[in-house]
């Protein structure tokens, strides 16, 4: 596994963890004031958006996979 693939997998895991945590976040903040609940939810949303952007950046930086040692990109099969 290349370093880029490792980083992509790590960011994907983090993103899933953050998204899966939203219901738990709602339970954790239910006793706070409305303003603090909203602030916590905005913060969580911002972190998720940043994580998605990082994943997108890493996916775009991923090198094109090649079939041979010459570095030629493989052509799609018909």
Protein backbone atom coordinates (compact mmCIF):
# COMPACT_ATOMS: atom_id res chain seq x y z
CA UNK A 1 0.00 0.00 0.00
CA UNK A 2 1.44 3.35 -1.02
CA UNK A 3 1.65 6.28 1.37
CA UNK A 4 -1.09 8.09 -0.56
CA UNK A 5 -3.40 5.07 -0.33
CA UNK A 6 -2.68 4.82 3.39
CA UNK A 7 -3.54 8.51 3.89
CA UNK A 8 -6.73 8.15 1.84
CA UNK A 9 -7.82 5.14 3.91
CA UNK A 10 -7.10 7.03 7.14
CA UNK A 11 -9.12 10.08 6.05
CA UNK A 12 -11.98 7.85 4.89
CA UNK A 13 -12.04 6.15 8.31
CA UNK A 14 -12.03 9.53 10.03
CA UNK A 15 -14.86 10.80 7.85
CA UNK A 16 -16.99 7.71 8.57
CA UNK A 17 -16.30 8.09 12.30
CA UNK A 18 -17.31 11.77 12.26
CA UNK A 19 -20.48 11.11 10.27
CA UNK A 20 -21.44 8.16 12.46
CA UNK A 21 -20.93 10.31 15.56
CA UNK A 22 -23.62 12.89 14.69
CA UNK A 23 -26.45 11.08 16.57
CA UNK A 24 -24.18 10.73 19.59
CA UNK A 25 -23.24 14.41 19.37
CA UNK A 26 -26.93 15.28 19.47
CA UNK A 27 -27.31 13.24 22.65
CA UNK A 28 -24.22 14.84 24.24
CA UNK A 29 -25.36 18.41 23.63
CA UNK A 30 -29.07 18.01 24.45
CA UNK A 31 -28.62 19.51 27.94
CA UNK A 32 -26.81 22.59 26.64
CA UNK A 33 -28.42 25.88 25.71
CA UNK A 34 -29.80 26.22 22.18
CA UNK A 35 -26.91 28.51 21.21
CA UNK A 36 -24.28 26.05 22.42
CA UNK A 37 -26.05 23.15 20.72
CA UNK A 38 -26.04 25.08 17.47
CA UNK A 39 -22.37 26.00 17.90
CA UNK A 40 -21.41 22.36 18.51
CA UNK A 41 -23.36 21.22 15.45
CA UNK A 42 -21.83 23.95 13.27
CA UNK A 43 -18.37 22.95 14.46
CA UNK A 44 -19.02 19.27 13.69
CA UNK A 45 -20.36 20.19 10.26
CA UNK A 46 -17.28 22.31 9.53
CA UNK A 47 -14.94 19.49 10.54
CA UNK A 48 -16.81 17.03 8.32
CA UNK A 49 -16.64 19.45 5.38
CA UNK A 50 -12.90 19.96 5.89
CA UNK A 51 -12.38 16.20 6.07
CA UNK A 52 -14.34 15.68 2.84
CA UNK A 53 -12.26 18.38 1.15
CA UNK A 54 -9.05 16.71 2.34
CA UNK A 55 -10.26 13.35 1.00
CA UNK A 56 -11.11 14.94 -2.35
CA UNK A 57 -7.67 16.57 -2.50
CA UNK A 58 -5.93 13.27 -1.74
CA UNK A 59 -7.99 11.44 -4.35
CA UNK A 60 -7.05 14.03 -6.97
CA UNK A 61 -3.37 13.76 -6.03
CA UNK A 62 -3.39 9.97 -6.34
CA UNK A 63 -1.03 8.96 -9.13
CA UNK A 64 -2.56 7.33 -12.19
CA UNK A 65 -2.20 3.54 -11.95
CA UNK A 66 -0.01 1.97 -14.62
CA UNK A 67 0.12 -1.52 -16.13
CA UNK A 68 3.80 -1.80 -16.91
CA UNK A 69 7.20 -0.62 -15.78
CA UNK A 70 7.38 2.02 -18.51
CA UNK A 71 4.77 4.07 -16.71
CA UNK A 72 2.25 3.97 -19.53
CA UNK A 73 -1.32 4.36 -18.31
CA UNK A 74 -3.57 1.42 -19.00
CA UNK A 75 -6.26 1.88 -21.61
CA UNK A 76 -9.88 1.00 -20.78
CA UNK A 77 -11.12 -2.31 -22.17
CA UNK A 78 -13.93 -2.31 -24.70
